[in-house]
Protein backbone atom coordinates (compact mmCIF):
# COMPACT_ATOMS: atom_id res chain seq x y z
CA MET A 1 37.54 -46.22 -38.20
CA LEU A 2 37.54 -43.10 -40.36
CA ASP A 3 40.39 -40.63 -39.92
CA ALA A 4 39.77 -37.21 -38.33
CA SER A 5 39.88 -35.29 -41.61
CA THR A 6 37.27 -37.54 -43.22
CA ARG A 7 34.96 -37.32 -40.22
CA GLN A 8 35.27 -33.53 -40.12
CA GLN A 9 34.41 -33.15 -43.80
CA VAL A 10 31.35 -35.39 -43.50
CA LYS A 11 30.18 -33.74 -40.29
CA ALA A 12 30.50 -30.29 -41.88
CA THR A 13 27.91 -31.26 -44.50
CA ALA A 14 25.19 -31.98 -41.91
CA PRO A 15 23.67 -28.43 -42.04
CA ILE A 16 23.61 -28.57 -45.84
CA LEU A 17 21.93 -31.96 -45.76
CA LYS A 18 19.29 -30.69 -43.36
CA GLN A 19 18.57 -27.76 -45.67
CA HIS A 20 18.75 -29.51 -49.04
CA GLY A 21 18.45 -33.17 -48.09
CA VAL A 22 15.09 -33.86 -49.74
CA LEU A 23 16.27 -32.26 -52.99
CA LEU A 24 19.36 -34.46 -52.87
CA THR A 25 17.52 -37.69 -52.07
CA SER A 26 14.80 -37.02 -54.65
CA HIS A 27 17.51 -36.62 -57.29
CA PHE A 28 19.22 -39.75 -55.98
CA TYR A 29 16.13 -41.95 -56.33
CA GLN A 30 15.34 -40.62 -59.81
CA ARG A 31 18.91 -41.29 -60.89
CA MET A 32 19.07 -44.76 -59.36
CA PHE A 33 15.75 -45.91 -60.80
CA GLN A 34 16.72 -44.56 -64.22
CA HIS A 35 19.98 -46.53 -64.28
CA ASN A 36 18.82 -49.53 -62.20
CA PRO A 37 15.06 -49.88 -62.78
CA GLU A 38 15.12 -53.42 -61.35
CA LEU A 39 15.35 -51.84 -57.88
CA LYS A 40 11.82 -50.49 -58.26
CA ASN A 41 10.69 -53.99 -57.32
CA ILE A 42 12.34 -53.60 -53.89
CA PHE A 43 11.50 -50.00 -53.01
CA ASN A 44 7.95 -48.99 -52.09
CA GLN A 45 6.78 -46.92 -55.05
CA GLY A 46 3.80 -45.65 -53.08
CA HIS A 47 6.19 -44.02 -50.62
CA GLN A 48 8.17 -42.70 -53.58
CA HIS A 49 5.13 -41.01 -55.08
CA ALA A 50 4.15 -39.53 -51.71
CA GLY A 51 7.69 -38.31 -50.96
CA GLN A 52 8.00 -40.35 -47.74
CA GLN A 53 11.03 -42.34 -48.85
CA GLN A 54 12.91 -39.21 -49.91
CA GLN A 55 12.20 -37.49 -46.59
CA ALA A 56 13.20 -40.56 -44.59
CA LEU A 57 16.50 -40.99 -46.44
CA ALA A 58 17.32 -37.29 -46.06
CA MET A 59 16.82 -37.59 -42.29
CA ALA A 60 18.95 -40.73 -42.20
CA VAL A 61 21.86 -39.21 -44.14
CA ALA A 62 21.83 -36.05 -42.00
CA ALA A 63 21.72 -38.11 -38.78
CA TYR A 64 24.66 -40.20 -39.92
CA ALA A 65 26.68 -37.07 -40.78
CA GLU A 66 25.95 -35.58 -37.34
CA HIS A 67 27.06 -38.74 -35.52
CA ILE A 68 30.00 -39.66 -37.72
CA ASP A 69 32.40 -39.32 -34.76
CA ALA A 70 30.51 -42.01 -32.84
CA PRO A 71 28.30 -44.02 -35.24
CA GLU A 72 27.67 -46.57 -32.50
CA VAL A 73 25.18 -44.06 -31.06
CA LEU A 74 22.97 -44.92 -34.04
CA LEU A 75 23.24 -48.68 -33.50
CA PRO A 76 19.66 -49.13 -32.17
CA VAL A 77 18.35 -47.21 -35.17
CA LEU A 78 20.58 -49.15 -37.57
CA GLU A 79 19.26 -52.41 -36.12
CA ARG A 80 15.73 -51.23 -36.91
CA VAL A 81 16.80 -50.37 -40.46
CA ALA A 82 18.45 -53.79 -40.82
CA HIS A 83 15.18 -55.52 -39.92
CA LYS A 84 13.34 -53.43 -42.53
CA HIS A 85 15.99 -54.21 -45.15
CA THR A 86 16.02 -57.97 -44.55
CA SER A 87 12.24 -58.08 -44.70
CA LEU A 88 12.39 -56.44 -48.14
CA GLY A 89 15.22 -58.60 -49.46
CA ILE A 90 17.93 -55.93 -49.63
CA ARG A 91 21.28 -57.73 -49.96
CA ALA A 92 24.96 -56.85 -49.76
CA GLU A 93 25.23 -56.53 -53.56
CA HIS A 94 22.75 -53.63 -53.54
CA TYR A 95 24.97 -51.36 -51.44
CA PRO A 96 27.58 -50.54 -54.13
CA ILE A 97 24.74 -49.53 -56.49
CA VAL A 98 23.20 -47.23 -53.91
CA GLY A 99 26.60 -45.77 -53.00
CA LYS A 100 27.49 -45.00 -56.61
CA HIS A 101 24.26 -43.07 -57.21
CA LEU A 102 24.38 -41.32 -53.84
CA LEU A 103 27.88 -39.94 -54.45
CA ALA A 104 26.99 -38.92 -58.01
CA SER A 105 23.88 -37.14 -56.71
CA ILE A 106 25.90 -35.17 -54.14
CA ARG A 107 28.07 -33.78 -56.96
CA GLU A 108 25.17 -33.18 -59.36
CA VAL A 109 22.94 -31.42 -56.80
CA LEU A 110 25.51 -29.42 -54.85
CA GLY A 111 27.84 -28.68 -57.76
CA GLU A 112 31.60 -29.18 -58.13
CA GLU A 113 32.50 -26.16 -56.01
CA ALA A 114 30.41 -27.22 -53.00
CA ALA A 115 31.21 -30.90 -53.53
CA PRO A 116 34.86 -31.22 -54.61
CA ASP A 117 36.61 -34.54 -55.05
CA SER A 118 37.92 -34.42 -51.49
CA LEU A 119 34.37 -34.28 -50.11
CA LEU A 120 33.20 -37.11 -52.38
CA ASP A 121 36.17 -39.20 -51.22
CA ALA A 122 35.23 -38.51 -47.59
CA TRP A 123 31.59 -39.44 -48.17
CA GLY A 124 32.66 -42.52 -50.10
CA ALA A 125 34.65 -43.74 -47.08
CA ALA A 126 31.80 -42.82 -44.72
CA TYR A 127 29.26 -44.63 -46.86
CA GLN A 128 31.45 -47.73 -46.96
CA GLN A 129 31.61 -47.73 -43.16
CA LEU A 130 27.82 -47.43 -42.92
CA ALA A 131 27.31 -50.13 -45.54
CA GLU A 132 29.58 -52.56 -43.67
CA LEU A 133 27.69 -51.95 -40.42
CA LEU A 134 24.33 -52.66 -42.07
CA ILE A 135 25.55 -55.61 -44.12
CA ASN A 136 26.92 -57.31 -41.00
CA LEU A 137 23.68 -56.75 -39.10
CA GLU A 138 21.60 -57.95 -42.02
CA ASN A 139 23.70 -61.05 -42.67
CA SER A 140 23.17 -62.07 -39.05
CA LEU A 141 19.40 -61.60 -39.40
CA TYR A 142 19.28 -63.52 -42.70
CA GLN A 143 21.23 -66.42 -41.20
CA ARG A 144 19.02 -66.58 -38.12
CA ALA A 145 15.83 -66.48 -40.21
CA ALA A 146 17.01 -69.21 -42.57
CA THR A 147 18.48 -71.64 -40.02
CA GLN A 148 15.79 -71.59 -37.32
CA ALA A 149 13.23 -74.40 -37.27
CA GLY A 150 10.64 -73.68 -39.96
CA GLY A 151 12.69 -70.77 -41.27
CA TRP A 152 13.56 -69.72 -44.80
CA SER A 153 15.35 -67.05 -46.83
CA GLY A 154 13.82 -64.75 -49.42
CA TRP A 155 10.23 -65.20 -50.56
CA ARG A 156 8.18 -68.29 -49.72
CA PRO A 157 4.76 -69.08 -51.24
CA PHE A 158 1.88 -69.12 -48.75
CA ARG A 159 -1.73 -70.10 -49.38
CA VAL A 160 -4.61 -67.98 -48.09
CA VAL A 161 -6.65 -70.44 -46.00
CA ASN A 162 -9.07 -67.90 -44.56
CA LYS A 163 -10.06 -64.33 -45.43
CA GLN A 164 -12.01 -62.53 -42.72
CA VAL A 165 -13.49 -59.02 -42.89
CA GLU A 166 -12.77 -57.32 -39.57
CA SER A 167 -14.26 -53.85 -40.23
CA ALA A 168 -15.14 -51.49 -43.08
CA GLU A 169 -11.40 -50.92 -43.61
CA ILE A 170 -9.50 -53.95 -42.28
CA THR A 171 -9.44 -57.56 -43.49
CA SER A 172 -7.44 -60.43 -42.01
CA PHE A 173 -5.68 -63.08 -44.09
CA TYR A 174 -4.70 -66.42 -42.56
CA LEU A 175 -1.64 -67.81 -44.37
CA GLN A 176 -0.14 -71.31 -44.41
CA PRO A 177 3.01 -72.47 -46.26
CA ALA A 178 2.05 -73.78 -49.71
CA ASP A 179 4.87 -76.32 -49.38
CA GLY A 180 3.23 -77.86 -46.32
CA GLY A 181 6.30 -77.14 -44.19
CA ALA A 182 6.62 -75.83 -40.67
CA LEU A 183 6.50 -72.24 -39.47
CA PRO A 184 9.07 -70.47 -37.27
CA ASP A 185 8.27 -69.15 -33.79
CA PHE A 186 8.33 -65.40 -34.39
CA GLN A 187 8.39 -62.82 -31.62
CA PRO A 188 5.07 -61.11 -30.81
CA GLY A 189 5.14 -57.69 -32.47
CA GLN A 190 7.10 -58.69 -35.59
CA TYR A 191 5.99 -58.27 -39.20
CA VAL A 192 6.36 -59.95 -42.58
CA SER A 193 6.61 -58.52 -46.06
CA VAL A 194 4.26 -59.69 -48.79
CA GLN A 195 4.86 -59.24 -52.50
CA ARG A 196 2.26 -58.53 -55.19
CA TYR A 197 2.47 -57.72 -58.89
CA ILE A 198 0.88 -54.34 -59.71
CA PRO A 199 -0.18 -54.37 -63.38
CA GLU A 200 -0.52 -50.56 -63.64
CA TRP A 201 3.13 -50.16 -62.68
CA GLY A 202 4.45 -53.34 -64.27
CA LEU A 203 6.25 -54.04 -60.99
CA CYS A 204 6.25 -56.42 -58.07
CA GLN A 205 5.77 -54.45 -54.88
CA PRO A 206 6.58 -55.42 -51.29
CA ARG A 207 4.61 -54.22 -48.30
CA GLN A 208 5.19 -54.90 -44.61
CA TYR A 209 2.31 -55.99 -42.37
CA SER A 210 2.42 -56.83 -38.67
CA LEU A 211 1.53 -60.35 -37.60
CA SER A 212 -1.72 -60.00 -35.65
CA ASP A 213 -1.97 -63.41 -34.01
CA ALA A 214 0.18 -65.21 -31.45
CA PRO A 215 3.10 -67.38 -32.60
CA GLY A 216 3.04 -71.15 -32.36
CA LYS A 217 -0.06 -71.74 -34.47
CA GLY A 218 -0.46 -73.38 -37.85
CA TRP A 219 -0.76 -70.08 -39.68
CA LEU A 220 0.46 -66.52 -39.94
CA ARG A 221 -2.23 -63.84 -39.74
CA ILE A 222 -1.91 -60.37 -41.22
CA SER A 223 -4.67 -57.78 -40.85
CA VAL A 224 -4.53 -55.23 -43.66
CA LYS A 225 -6.09 -51.78 -43.78
CA ARG A 226 -7.33 -50.72 -47.21
CA GLU A 227 -5.66 -47.35 -47.77
CA GLU A 228 -8.05 -44.95 -49.51
CA ALA A 229 -6.96 -41.87 -51.46
CA GLN A 230 -6.59 -38.82 -49.21
CA GLY A 231 -5.78 -35.39 -50.62
CA ASP A 232 -2.71 -35.71 -52.82
CA ALA A 233 -1.97 -39.22 -51.54
CA PRO A 234 -3.27 -41.93 -53.92
CA ALA A 235 -5.05 -45.05 -52.77
CA GLY A 236 -2.81 -47.90 -51.65
CA LYS A 237 -2.10 -50.16 -54.63
CA VAL A 238 -1.13 -53.28 -52.66
CA SER A 239 -3.66 -52.99 -49.84
CA GLY A 240 -6.45 -52.32 -52.34
CA GLN A 241 -5.48 -55.35 -54.41
CA LEU A 242 -5.26 -57.59 -51.35
CA HIS A 243 -8.77 -56.57 -50.29
CA ALA A 244 -10.32 -56.79 -53.75
CA ALA A 245 -8.45 -59.60 -55.49
CA LEU A 246 -6.75 -61.93 -52.99
CA ALA A 247 -9.13 -64.82 -52.28
CA GLU A 248 -9.04 -67.98 -50.21
CA GLY A 249 -6.88 -70.55 -52.00
CA ASP A 250 -4.67 -67.93 -53.66
CA ILE A 251 -0.88 -67.85 -53.27
CA LEU A 252 0.95 -64.94 -51.68
CA GLN A 253 4.74 -64.51 -51.54
CA VAL A 254 5.86 -63.88 -47.94
CA SER A 255 9.16 -63.01 -46.25
CA PRO A 256 10.32 -64.44 -42.91
CA PRO A 257 9.19 -62.51 -39.81
CA PHE A 258 11.43 -59.61 -38.81
CA GLY A 259 11.21 -56.53 -36.59
CA ASP A 260 12.64 -55.19 -33.34
CA PHE A 261 9.38 -53.87 -31.84
CA VAL A 262 8.68 -56.96 -29.77
CA LEU A 263 7.22 -57.97 -26.44
CA HIS A 264 9.79 -58.17 -23.63
CA GLN A 265 9.10 -61.73 -22.58
CA ASP A 266 11.93 -61.82 -20.03
CA ARG A 267 10.06 -59.47 -17.69
CA ALA A 268 7.26 -59.96 -15.17
CA THR A 269 6.17 -56.32 -15.29
CA PRO A 270 2.62 -55.20 -16.09
CA VAL A 271 1.93 -54.56 -19.78
CA VAL A 272 0.05 -51.57 -21.20
CA LEU A 273 -0.89 -51.74 -24.89
CA ILE A 274 -2.00 -48.46 -26.49
CA SER A 275 -3.07 -48.37 -30.14
CA ALA A 276 -5.06 -46.48 -32.75
CA GLY A 277 -6.66 -47.91 -35.88
CA VAL A 278 -4.71 -50.66 -37.60
CA GLY A 279 -1.89 -49.99 -35.12
CA GLN A 280 -3.46 -52.59 -32.85
CA THR A 281 -2.24 -55.46 -35.05
CA PRO A 282 1.21 -56.06 -33.47
CA LEU A 283 -0.27 -55.40 -30.03
CA LEU A 284 -2.89 -58.10 -30.63
CA SER A 285 -0.07 -60.56 -31.22
CA MET A 286 1.48 -59.52 -27.91
CA LEU A 287 -1.87 -59.71 -26.13
CA ARG A 288 -2.82 -63.11 -27.43
CA HIS A 289 0.63 -64.53 -26.67
CA LEU A 290 0.50 -63.28 -23.08
CA LEU A 291 -2.96 -64.70 -22.45
CA GLU A 292 -2.49 -67.99 -24.31
CA SER A 293 0.81 -68.68 -22.55
CA GLY A 294 -0.88 -68.32 -19.15
CA SER A 295 0.97 -65.17 -18.14
CA GLN A 296 -0.30 -63.49 -14.98
CA ARG A 297 1.17 -60.10 -15.85
CA PRO A 298 -1.55 -57.43 -15.45
CA ILE A 299 -2.55 -56.08 -18.88
CA ARG A 300 -4.24 -52.82 -19.84
CA TYR A 301 -5.46 -52.58 -23.44
CA LEU A 302 -6.38 -49.09 -24.69
CA HIS A 303 -7.57 -48.79 -28.28
CA ALA A 304 -8.79 -45.76 -30.24
CA ALA A 305 -11.01 -45.91 -33.34
CA ARG A 306 -13.02 -43.28 -35.15
CA HIS A 307 -16.30 -45.18 -34.70
CA GLY A 308 -17.77 -48.66 -34.66
CA GLN A 309 -17.76 -49.33 -38.40
CA VAL A 310 -13.96 -49.06 -38.55
CA HIS A 311 -13.34 -50.76 -35.19
CA ALA A 312 -11.66 -54.06 -36.07
CA MET A 313 -11.33 -57.09 -33.77
CA LYS A 314 -13.92 -55.69 -31.35
CA GLN A 315 -15.47 -59.07 -30.62
CA GLU A 316 -12.10 -60.82 -30.41
CA VAL A 317 -10.71 -58.45 -27.76
CA GLY A 318 -14.02 -58.36 -25.90
CA GLN A 319 -14.06 -62.14 -25.57
CA LEU A 320 -10.47 -62.18 -24.36
CA ALA A 321 -11.27 -59.56 -21.69
CA ALA A 322 -14.27 -61.61 -20.53
CA GLN A 323 -12.21 -64.78 -20.27
CA HIS A 324 -9.06 -63.39 -18.60
CA PRO A 325 -9.24 -61.37 -15.35
CA VAL A 326 -5.68 -60.05 -15.87
CA LEU A 327 -6.89 -58.05 -18.90
CA ALA A 328 -8.76 -54.74 -18.68
CA SER A 329 -9.80 -53.28 -22.07
CA THR A 330 -10.89 -49.68 -22.70
CA VAL A 331 -12.08 -48.58 -26.16
CA PHE A 332 -12.26 -44.96 -27.28
CA TYR A 333 -14.43 -43.73 -30.18
CA GLU A 334 -13.46 -40.30 -31.47
CA CYS A 335 -16.72 -39.77 -33.36
CA PRO A 336 -19.33 -42.29 -32.16
CA GLN A 337 -22.21 -42.94 -34.56
CA ASP A 338 -25.85 -43.29 -33.62
CA THR A 339 -25.55 -47.08 -33.79
CA ASP A 340 -22.56 -47.16 -31.40
CA GLN A 341 -23.59 -47.96 -27.83
CA LEU A 342 -21.61 -46.51 -24.94
CA GLY A 343 -20.65 -49.22 -22.48
CA GLN A 344 -21.10 -51.96 -25.06
CA ASP A 345 -19.20 -50.95 -28.19
CA TYR A 346 -16.91 -48.43 -26.48
CA GLN A 347 -16.18 -47.09 -23.00
CA ARG A 348 -15.21 -43.48 -23.67
CA ALA A 349 -15.92 -40.87 -26.34
CA GLY A 350 -13.06 -38.75 -27.64
CA ARG A 351 -9.35 -39.43 -27.86
CA ILE A 352 -6.90 -41.08 -25.48
CA ASP A 353 -5.87 -37.96 -23.57
CA ALA A 354 -3.81 -37.31 -20.45
CA GLU A 355 -6.81 -37.88 -18.18
CA ALA A 356 -7.50 -41.24 -19.78
CA ILE A 357 -3.86 -42.22 -19.42
CA ARG A 358 -3.92 -41.40 -15.70
CA GLU A 359 -7.18 -43.27 -15.18
CA HIS A 360 -6.65 -46.40 -17.29
CA ALA A 361 -2.97 -46.83 -18.10
CA LEU A 362 -0.70 -45.96 -15.19
CA LEU A 363 0.61 -49.09 -13.49
CA ALA A 364 3.73 -49.24 -11.35
CA ASP A 365 6.81 -50.45 -13.29
CA ALA A 366 4.71 -51.27 -16.37
CA ASP A 367 6.09 -51.55 -19.90
CA TYR A 368 4.14 -49.50 -22.46
CA TYR A 369 3.79 -50.51 -26.11
CA LEU A 370 2.50 -47.89 -28.55
CA CYS A 371 1.42 -48.39 -32.16
CA GLY A 372 -0.55 -46.16 -34.51
CA PRO A 373 0.01 -43.06 -36.63
CA GLN A 374 3.26 -41.26 -35.84
CA ALA A 375 1.51 -38.21 -34.34
CA PHE A 376 -0.60 -40.49 -32.12
CA MET A 377 2.44 -42.32 -30.77
CA GLN A 378 4.33 -39.10 -30.10
CA GLN A 379 1.35 -37.70 -28.21
CA GLN A 380 0.95 -40.83 -26.09
CA ARG A 381 4.66 -40.90 -25.39
CA SER A 382 4.59 -37.25 -24.26
CA GLN A 383 1.62 -37.92 -22.01
CA LEU A 384 3.28 -40.95 -20.46
CA ARG A 385 6.53 -39.07 -19.88
CA ALA A 386 4.62 -36.18 -18.29
CA SER A 387 2.95 -38.71 -15.99
CA GLY A 388 6.34 -39.94 -14.79
CA VAL A 389 6.87 -43.02 -16.96
CA ALA A 390 10.57 -43.61 -17.73
CA ALA A 391 11.56 -43.42 -21.39
CA THR A 392 13.08 -46.91 -21.16
CA ARG A 393 9.61 -48.29 -20.37
CA ILE A 394 8.02 -46.87 -23.54
CA HIS A 395 8.32 -48.88 -26.77
CA MET A 396 7.05 -47.65 -30.14
CA GLU A 397 6.60 -49.21 -33.57
CA VAL A 398 7.73 -47.21 -36.60
CA PHE A 399 5.82 -47.68 -39.84
CA GLY A 400 6.86 -47.57 -43.45
CA SER A 401 9.93 -45.73 -44.68
CA ASN A 402 10.54 -43.79 -41.46
CA ALA A 403 12.77 -46.48 -40.00
CA MET A 404 15.37 -43.94 -38.89
CA ALA A 405 12.94 -42.36 -36.45
CA SER A 406 14.02 -42.72 -32.86
CA ASP A 407 11.99 -43.37 -29.71
């Protein structure tokens, strides 16, 4: 436990971190990659170029400073971060490197007057406390992943046994261990990381993709959206390469499944799954597991897409709804095209709004699982809360570098 003086010094920097945090974290990443370029193979360079990683770290550092008196408040968030880290292969030996560059960046950005030795000493102790918390969480996750039946540690080669185009933007890849070994029973909702070499950058790059099929099969399925360039954001390097260059028979390096956004299988409550775009992938895993395990929990499946050409897994979900009376599916098209037929391809035009929530999603004591763009999930959460749904019944996935976001 940190002493009172150390906690006070760290806590006093929270307003400064909120104001100048992105400047500090941008300097930190530049400094770290300059001195330790090997870490570029672990960190998502697409998020670096877009500024997402810098923003996320700034939020994380400020949140830690604010809660330094009771860091256990952040434990649920730290557990989420630990899952992200283990999926990417971040190990205990990386923490001293990060700490060294973080402390140096505080001095270099804020200056010696605003960041005297006493403050750096306080932040050094605080960082060590945070590092120990995360290392312990991550070691437990690594051990569990490696020792379970069919488990492994680090990267494992998988062979693409099937590549299936799901829509104009999304393609599914069915993966089996190249070594012919067994697979672990992951929890519905979890994700894996895949690693690809990007020639333009001269780097291997990891990306995390939700598992979109139920556990207990002879494969892992990921369903990948090809990220096109939008405004200042460049096209996705890894997703584009997977779509264009990864063929059946090819080898892909894959991490063990991780993630804390999972189906609560210990409950008999109704389940409501609400998604937008590629956000349906972890929810499909939950849906298929529920139905294939014979669960009689009532299920509502609400999915939003822009139009039919980008609506993935339409036939798959439609067949499941026809076969299982416990499932009611409602599809929303924001901008239906002339070829999209109301009542056949989709049930409602427009977005999933408060009226749609009241009509299609409100079930007594249900658990609600949300996945999609951050703004979409926040809107659905607000609408559910306004309709009387308890916060403890609402579960949200968090994409990419924003692992410190809280439900």
